[in-house]
Amino acid sequence: MGGDHDLRSYYLSGIVFYRVSSYYLKPKVASMHGITNMIRRMKEEVLYVCPPLALGYLTYLWADEKHVQLGRKDPNDYIHDT
């Protein structure tokens, strides 16, 4: 476990250079995997999230229209007012 087998080193006139293994740092690959994983998870959850949200929004629209309709005054109630 551990040791220098993970790091590649070489000598150049008495100076030691160390490189990080190509398996350690791959930020672009990791970020692309993260984005594709996020898209996959969103596609899996859309059928669980969108129908309740759509139902709630349609209920809100219906209730708002009903509230406006019930808030109107009936003109026939004020025919004999001067």
C-alpha atoms as a PDB file:
ATOM      1  CA  MET A   1       0.000   0.000   0.000  1.00  0.00           C
ATOM      2  CA  GLY A   2       1.345   3.395  -0.855  1.00  0.00           C
ATOM      3  CA  GLY A   3       4.937   3.730  -1.845  1.00  0.00           C
ATOM      4  CA  ASP A   4       6.445   5.137  -4.996  1.00  0.00           C
ATOM      5  CA  HIS A   5       4.781   2.741  -7.402  1.00  0.00           C
ATOM      6  CA  ASP A   6       1.906   5.206  -7.912  1.00  0.00           C
ATOM      7  CA  LEU A   7       4.215   8.080  -8.847  1.00  0.00           C
ATOM      8  CA  ARG A   8       6.481   7.883 -11.839  1.00  0.00           C
ATOM      9  CA  SER A   9       9.875   9.402 -11.152  1.00  0.00           C
ATOM     10  CA  TYR A  10      12.963   9.809 -13.270  1.00  0.00           C
ATOM     11  CA  TYR A  11      16.421  11.266 -12.771  1.00  0.00           C
ATOM     12  CA  LEU A  12      18.023  13.998 -14.801  1.00  0.00           C
ATOM     13  CA  SER A  13      21.605  14.771 -13.766  1.00  0.00           C
ATOM     14  CA  GLY A  14      20.924  14.241 -10.081  1.00  0.00           C
ATOM     15  CA  ILE A  15      17.563  16.089  -9.998  1.00  0.00           C
ATOM     16  CA  VAL A  16      14.498  14.049  -9.220  1.00  0.00           C
ATOM     17  CA  PHE A  17      11.282  14.901 -11.035  1.00  0.00           C
ATOM     18  CA  TYR A  18       7.929  13.528  -9.962  1.00  0.00           C
ATOM     19  CA  ARG A  19       4.817  13.290 -12.057  1.00  0.00           C
ATOM     20  CA  VAL A  20       1.318  12.563 -10.920  1.00  0.00           C
ATOM     21  CA  SER A  21      -0.194   9.422 -12.335  1.00  0.00           C
ATOM     22  CA  SER A  22      -2.556   9.915 -15.234  1.00  0.00           C
ATOM     23  CA  TYR A  23      -5.232   8.162 -13.191  1.00  0.00           C
ATOM     24  CA  TYR A  24      -5.214  10.762 -10.418  1.00  0.00           C
ATOM     25  CA  LEU A  25      -6.068  14.036 -12.137  1.00  0.00           C
ATOM     26  CA  LYS A  26      -8.648  14.115 -14.876  1.00  0.00           C
ATOM     27  CA  PRO A  27     -10.773  17.160 -14.048  1.00  0.00           C
ATOM     28  CA  LYS A  28     -12.359  17.478 -17.482  1.00  0.00           C
ATOM     29  CA  VAL A  29     -13.408  13.847 -17.541  1.00  0.00           C
ATOM     30  CA  ALA A  30     -14.773  14.101 -14.009  1.00  0.00           C
ATOM     31  CA  SER A  31     -16.729  17.273 -14.752  1.00  0.00           C
ATOM     32  CA  MET A  32     -18.190  15.791 -17.941  1.00  0.00           C
ATOM     33  CA  HIS A  33     -19.183  12.675 -16.024  1.00  0.00           C
ATOM     34  CA  GLY A  34     -20.818  14.901 -13.413  1.00  0.00           C
ATOM     35  CA  ILE A  35     -22.831  16.791 -16.028  1.00  0.00           C
ATOM     36  CA  THR A  36     -23.983  13.648 -17.807  1.00  0.00           C
ATOM     37  CA  ASN A  37     -24.836  12.050 -14.465  1.00  0.00           C
ATOM     38  CA  MET A  38     -26.905  15.125 -13.524  1.00  0.00           C
ATOM     39  CA  ILE A  39     -28.809  14.967 -16.821  1.00  0.00           C
ATOM     40  CA  ARG A  40     -29.472  11.247 -16.354  1.00  0.00           C
ATOM     41  CA  ARG A  41     -30.805  11.812 -12.833  1.00  0.00           C
ATOM     42  CA  MET A  42     -33.038  14.661 -13.991  1.00  0.00           C
ATOM     43  CA  LYS A  43     -34.510  12.465 -16.729  1.00  0.00           C
ATOM     44  CA  GLU A  44     -35.224   9.754 -14.172  1.00  0.00           C
ATOM     45  CA  GLU A  45     -36.982  12.141 -11.771  1.00  0.00           C
ATOM     46  CA  VAL A  46     -39.009  14.213 -14.239  1.00  0.00           C
ATOM     47  CA  LEU A  47     -42.002  11.834 -14.150  1.00  0.00           C
ATOM     48  CA  TYR A  48     -42.128  12.064 -10.358  1.00  0.00           C
ATOM     49  CA  VAL A  49     -41.737  15.839 -10.098  1.00  0.00           C
ATOM     50  CA  CYS A  50     -43.556  17.397 -13.065  1.00  0.00           C
ATOM     51  CA  PRO A  51     -47.091  15.944 -12.701  1.00  0.00           C
ATOM     52  CA  PRO A  52     -47.617  17.255  -9.138  1.00  0.00           C
ATOM     53  CA  LEU A  53     -46.170  20.631 -10.116  1.00  0.00           C
ATOM     54  CA  ALA A  54     -48.412  20.819 -13.188  1.00  0.00           C
ATOM     55  CA  LEU A  55     -51.461  19.816 -11.141  1.00  0.00           C
ATOM     56  CA  GLY A  56     -50.665  22.458  -8.537  1.00  0.00           C
ATOM     57  CA  TYR A  57     -50.198  25.137 -11.185  1.00  0.00           C
ATOM     58  CA  LEU A  58     -53.459  24.247 -12.953  1.00  0.00           C
ATOM     59  CA  THR A  59     -55.271  24.297  -9.595  1.00  0.00           C
ATOM     60  CA  TYR A  60     -53.806  27.733  -8.904  1.00  0.00           C
ATOM     61  CA  LEU A  61     -54.977  29.044 -12.292  1.00  0.00           C
ATOM     62  CA  TRP A  62     -58.463  27.642 -11.748  1.00  0.00           C
ATOM     63  CA  ALA A  63     -58.728  29.092  -8.228  1.00  0.00           C
ATOM     64  CA  ASP A  64     -57.483  32.498  -9.354  1.00  0.00           C
ATOM     65  CA  GLU A  65     -60.025  32.646 -12.181  1.00  0.00           C
ATOM     66  CA  LYS A  66     -62.798  31.521  -9.819  1.00  0.00           C
ATOM     67  CA  HIS A  67     -61.775  34.193  -7.289  1.00  0.00           C
ATOM     68  CA  VAL A  68     -61.959  36.925  -9.934  1.00  0.00           C
ATOM     69  CA  GLN A  69     -65.320  35.601 -11.109  1.00  0.00           C
ATOM     70  CA  LEU A  70     -66.802  35.524  -7.603  1.00  0.00           C
ATOM     71  CA  GLY A  71     -65.452  38.993  -6.839  1.00  0.00           C
ATOM     72  CA  ARG A  72     -67.534  40.626  -9.580  1.00  0.00           C
ATOM     73  CA  LYS A  73     -70.668  42.482  -8.635  1.00  0.00           C
ATOM     74  CA  ASP A  74     -73.981  41.561 -10.220  1.00  0.00           C
ATOM     75  CA  PRO A  75     -75.257  44.592 -12.189  1.00  0.00           C
ATOM     76  CA  ASN A  76     -78.883  43.505 -11.656  1.00  0.00           C
ATOM     77  CA  ASP A  77     -78.551  44.184  -7.918  1.00  0.00           C
ATOM     78  CA  TYR A  78     -78.012  47.913  -8.604  1.00  0.00           C
ATOM     79  CA  ILE A  79     -80.673  48.636 -11.251  1.00  0.00           C
ATOM     80  CA  HIS A  80     -82.878  50.749  -8.951  1.00  0.00           C
ATOM     81  CA  ASP A  81     -80.058  52.738  -7.345  1.00  0.00           C
ATOM     82  CA  THR A  82     -79.823  56.319  -8.424  1.00  0.00           C
END
